[in-house]
N, C-alpha and C. Protein backbone atom coordinates (compact mmCIF):
# COMPACT_ATOMS: atom_id res chain seq x y z
N MET A 1 -63.12 -46.57 59.68
CA MET A 1 -62.02 -46.57 58.74
C MET A 1 -61.72 -48.02 58.36
N ALA A 2 -61.43 -48.23 57.10
CA ALA A 2 -61.17 -49.57 56.59
C ALA A 2 -59.75 -50.01 56.88
N THR A 3 -59.54 -51.32 56.84
CA THR A 3 -58.22 -51.91 57.03
C THR A 3 -57.80 -52.58 55.73
N LEU A 4 -56.53 -52.44 55.40
CA LEU A 4 -55.98 -53.03 54.19
C LEU A 4 -54.74 -53.82 54.56
N THR A 5 -54.66 -55.04 54.10
CA THR A 5 -53.47 -55.87 54.31
C THR A 5 -52.78 -56.05 52.98
N ILE A 6 -51.50 -55.78 52.94
CA ILE A 6 -50.72 -55.93 51.71
C ILE A 6 -49.78 -57.12 51.90
N LYS A 7 -49.88 -58.08 51.01
CA LYS A 7 -49.06 -59.28 51.11
C LYS A 7 -47.99 -59.29 50.04
N ASN A 8 -46.94 -60.04 50.31
CA ASN A 8 -45.86 -60.29 49.35
C ASN A 8 -45.15 -59.02 48.88
N ILE A 9 -44.91 -58.11 49.79
CA ILE A 9 -44.17 -56.89 49.46
C ILE A 9 -42.70 -57.26 49.30
N PRO A 10 -42.08 -56.89 48.20
CA PRO A 10 -40.64 -57.16 48.05
C PRO A 10 -39.85 -56.51 49.18
N GLU A 11 -38.86 -57.22 49.65
CA GLU A 11 -38.07 -56.76 50.81
C GLU A 11 -37.47 -55.37 50.57
N LYS A 12 -36.96 -55.11 49.37
CA LYS A 12 -36.34 -53.80 49.09
C LYS A 12 -37.39 -52.69 49.16
N LEU A 13 -38.59 -52.96 48.68
CA LEU A 13 -39.66 -51.96 48.74
C LEU A 13 -40.06 -51.70 50.19
N ARG A 14 -40.17 -52.76 50.99
CA ARG A 14 -40.50 -52.60 52.41
C ARG A 14 -39.44 -51.78 53.13
N GLU A 15 -38.19 -52.04 52.79
CA GLU A 15 -37.09 -51.30 53.42
C GLU A 15 -37.13 -49.82 53.03
N ARG A 16 -37.42 -49.54 51.74
CA ARG A 16 -37.53 -48.14 51.30
C ARG A 16 -38.69 -47.43 52.00
N LEU A 17 -39.80 -48.14 52.17
CA LEU A 17 -40.95 -47.57 52.87
C LEU A 17 -40.60 -47.28 54.33
N LYS A 18 -39.88 -48.20 54.95
CA LYS A 18 -39.46 -48.03 56.34
C LYS A 18 -38.53 -46.82 56.49
N GLU A 19 -37.58 -46.68 55.57
CA GLU A 19 -36.65 -45.54 55.61
C GLU A 19 -37.39 -44.22 55.38
N SER A 20 -38.31 -44.22 54.44
CA SER A 20 -39.08 -43.01 54.15
C SER A 20 -39.94 -42.63 55.35
N ALA A 21 -40.52 -43.61 56.01
CA ALA A 21 -41.32 -43.36 57.20
C ALA A 21 -40.47 -42.72 58.30
N ALA A 22 -39.27 -43.23 58.47
CA ALA A 22 -38.37 -42.68 59.48
C ALA A 22 -37.99 -41.24 59.15
N GLN A 23 -37.73 -40.96 57.88
CA GLN A 23 -37.37 -39.59 57.48
C GLN A 23 -38.51 -38.62 57.72
N HIS A 24 -39.74 -39.06 57.54
CA HIS A 24 -40.90 -38.20 57.72
C HIS A 24 -41.50 -38.30 59.12
N ARG A 25 -40.85 -39.08 59.97
CA ARG A 25 -41.29 -39.29 61.35
C ARG A 25 -42.73 -39.78 61.41
N ARG A 26 -42.99 -40.82 60.61
CA ARG A 26 -44.30 -41.45 60.58
C ARG A 26 -44.13 -42.94 60.78
N SER A 27 -45.23 -43.58 61.12
CA SER A 27 -45.23 -45.04 61.16
C SER A 27 -45.18 -45.55 59.73
N ILE A 28 -44.87 -46.82 59.58
CA ILE A 28 -44.86 -47.40 58.24
C ILE A 28 -46.27 -47.32 57.65
N ASN A 29 -47.28 -47.58 58.46
CA ASN A 29 -48.67 -47.48 58.01
C ASN A 29 -48.99 -46.06 57.54
N GLY A 30 -48.60 -45.07 58.33
CA GLY A 30 -48.84 -43.68 57.95
C GLY A 30 -48.13 -43.31 56.67
N GLU A 31 -46.92 -43.81 56.51
CA GLU A 31 -46.16 -43.52 55.29
C GLU A 31 -46.82 -44.18 54.08
N ALA A 32 -47.31 -45.41 54.25
CA ALA A 32 -47.99 -46.11 53.16
C ALA A 32 -49.24 -45.34 52.74
N ILE A 33 -50.00 -44.84 53.70
CA ILE A 33 -51.20 -44.05 53.40
C ILE A 33 -50.81 -42.78 52.65
N SER A 34 -49.77 -42.10 53.13
CA SER A 34 -49.31 -40.88 52.47
C SER A 34 -48.89 -41.15 51.03
N CYS A 35 -48.15 -42.24 50.81
CA CYS A 35 -47.72 -42.60 49.45
C CYS A 35 -48.92 -42.90 48.56
N LEU A 36 -49.90 -43.62 49.09
CA LEU A 36 -51.09 -43.93 48.31
C LEU A 36 -51.88 -42.67 47.97
N GLU A 37 -51.99 -41.75 48.93
CA GLU A 37 -52.71 -40.49 48.65
C GLU A 37 -52.02 -39.70 47.55
N LYS A 38 -50.69 -39.65 47.61
CA LYS A 38 -49.95 -38.93 46.56
C LYS A 38 -50.13 -39.60 45.21
N ALA A 39 -50.02 -40.91 45.18
CA ALA A 39 -50.10 -41.65 43.92
C ALA A 39 -51.50 -41.60 43.31
N LEU A 40 -52.51 -41.58 44.15
CA LEU A 40 -53.88 -41.62 43.66
C LEU A 40 -54.56 -40.26 43.65
N GLY A 41 -53.80 -39.22 43.96
CA GLY A 41 -54.35 -37.87 43.89
C GLY A 41 -55.31 -37.54 45.00
N GLY A 42 -55.03 -38.01 46.21
CA GLY A 42 -55.92 -37.74 47.34
C GLY A 42 -55.99 -36.28 47.74
N ASN A 43 -54.99 -35.50 47.40
CA ASN A 43 -54.95 -34.10 47.80
C ASN A 43 -54.98 -33.17 46.58
N ARG A 44 -55.89 -33.41 45.68
CA ARG A 44 -55.97 -32.58 44.48
C ARG A 44 -56.39 -31.17 44.85
N LEU A 45 -55.74 -30.22 44.23
CA LEU A 45 -56.05 -28.82 44.47
C LEU A 45 -56.98 -28.30 43.39
N ASP A 46 -57.92 -27.49 43.81
CA ASP A 46 -58.75 -26.78 42.85
C ASP A 46 -57.97 -25.53 42.45
N PRO A 47 -57.60 -25.38 41.19
CA PRO A 47 -56.77 -24.24 40.78
C PRO A 47 -57.37 -22.89 41.14
N GLU A 48 -58.66 -22.73 41.00
CA GLU A 48 -59.30 -21.45 41.32
C GLU A 48 -59.23 -21.16 42.82
N GLU A 49 -59.43 -22.19 43.63
CA GLU A 49 -59.34 -22.03 45.08
C GLU A 49 -57.91 -21.68 45.50
N PHE A 50 -56.95 -22.35 44.88
CA PHE A 50 -55.55 -22.09 45.18
C PHE A 50 -55.18 -20.65 44.83
N LEU A 51 -55.58 -20.20 43.64
CA LEU A 51 -55.28 -18.83 43.22
C LEU A 51 -55.96 -17.82 44.13
N ALA A 52 -57.16 -18.09 44.58
CA ALA A 52 -57.85 -17.19 45.51
C ALA A 52 -57.08 -17.07 46.81
N GLN A 53 -56.54 -18.20 47.30
CA GLN A 53 -55.74 -18.17 48.53
C GLN A 53 -54.47 -17.37 48.33
N VAL A 54 -53.81 -17.54 47.19
CA VAL A 54 -52.57 -16.81 46.90
C VAL A 54 -52.86 -15.32 46.82
N ARG A 55 -53.93 -14.95 46.13
CA ARG A 55 -54.28 -13.53 46.00
C ARG A 55 -54.60 -12.92 47.35
N SER A 56 -55.29 -13.67 48.20
CA SER A 56 -55.62 -13.18 49.53
C SER A 56 -54.36 -12.95 50.35
N LEU A 57 -53.43 -13.91 50.29
CA LEU A 57 -52.17 -13.77 51.03
C LEU A 57 -51.37 -12.59 50.50
N ARG A 58 -51.30 -12.46 49.19
CA ARG A 58 -50.55 -11.37 48.58
C ARG A 58 -51.13 -10.01 48.98
N ALA A 59 -52.43 -9.91 49.07
CA ALA A 59 -53.08 -8.64 49.43
C ALA A 59 -52.75 -8.24 50.87
N ARG A 60 -52.51 -9.21 51.73
CA ARG A 60 -52.21 -8.91 53.13
C ARG A 60 -50.74 -8.59 53.38
N MET A 61 -49.89 -8.90 52.41
CA MET A 61 -48.46 -8.68 52.60
C MET A 61 -48.08 -7.27 52.17
N PRO A 62 -47.12 -6.67 52.89
CA PRO A 62 -46.67 -5.34 52.48
C PRO A 62 -45.92 -5.43 51.15
N ARG A 63 -46.00 -4.39 50.41
CA ARG A 63 -45.30 -4.35 49.12
C ARG A 63 -43.83 -4.04 49.38
N ILE A 64 -42.98 -4.97 49.06
CA ILE A 64 -41.55 -4.80 49.24
C ILE A 64 -40.89 -4.98 47.88
N PHE A 65 -40.16 -3.99 47.47
CA PHE A 65 -39.47 -4.07 46.20
C PHE A 65 -37.98 -4.11 46.47
N LEU A 66 -37.34 -5.16 46.02
CA LEU A 66 -35.91 -5.35 46.26
C LEU A 66 -35.14 -4.96 45.00
N THR A 67 -34.14 -4.15 45.22
CA THR A 67 -33.28 -3.75 44.10
C THR A 67 -32.05 -4.66 44.07
N GLU A 68 -31.38 -4.66 42.96
CA GLU A 68 -30.16 -5.46 42.85
C GLU A 68 -29.12 -4.97 43.87
N ARG A 69 -29.06 -3.66 44.05
CA ARG A 69 -28.11 -3.08 45.01
C ARG A 69 -28.40 -3.57 46.43
N TYR A 70 -29.68 -3.59 46.82
CA TYR A 70 -30.06 -4.05 48.15
C TYR A 70 -29.72 -5.53 48.33
N LEU A 71 -30.03 -6.34 47.32
CA LEU A 71 -29.76 -7.77 47.41
C LEU A 71 -28.26 -8.05 47.50
N ARG A 72 -27.46 -7.32 46.73
CA ARG A 72 -26.01 -7.50 46.77
C ARG A 72 -25.47 -7.13 48.15
N ALA A 73 -25.96 -6.04 48.73
CA ALA A 73 -25.51 -5.62 50.05
C ALA A 73 -25.90 -6.66 51.10
N ALA A 74 -27.11 -7.20 51.01
CA ALA A 74 -27.55 -8.20 51.97
C ALA A 74 -26.73 -9.48 51.85
N LYS A 75 -26.40 -9.85 50.62
CA LYS A 75 -25.62 -11.05 50.38
C LYS A 75 -24.20 -10.91 50.94
N ASN A 76 -23.65 -9.73 50.82
CA ASN A 76 -22.27 -9.51 51.25
C ASN A 76 -22.15 -9.06 52.69
N GLN A 77 -23.26 -8.88 53.36
CA GLN A 77 -23.25 -8.42 54.75
C GLN A 77 -22.50 -9.43 55.62
N GLY A 78 -21.58 -8.94 56.39
CA GLY A 78 -20.81 -9.79 57.29
C GLY A 78 -19.61 -10.46 56.65
N ARG A 79 -19.44 -10.26 55.37
CA ARG A 79 -18.26 -10.81 54.70
C ARG A 79 -17.14 -9.80 54.76
N PRO A 80 -15.90 -10.28 54.87
CA PRO A 80 -14.77 -9.33 54.91
C PRO A 80 -14.52 -8.66 53.58
């Protein structure tokens, strides 16, 4: 794996990266890699592959049809 050194990072940007890393429970290095992957499209999805996965998941799930009456009752459950 290659090493990259980034010089002259503005202090505010470094602080934002540090805060983001803490929120995602990653190291600053891990957060920088994640940001670069997002910015450069490291995790591009193939639309056909994604749709195939969705269709497969949908086929395995039971068919549940929710009515407005059922949703209203569930929403109000436990309310006085």
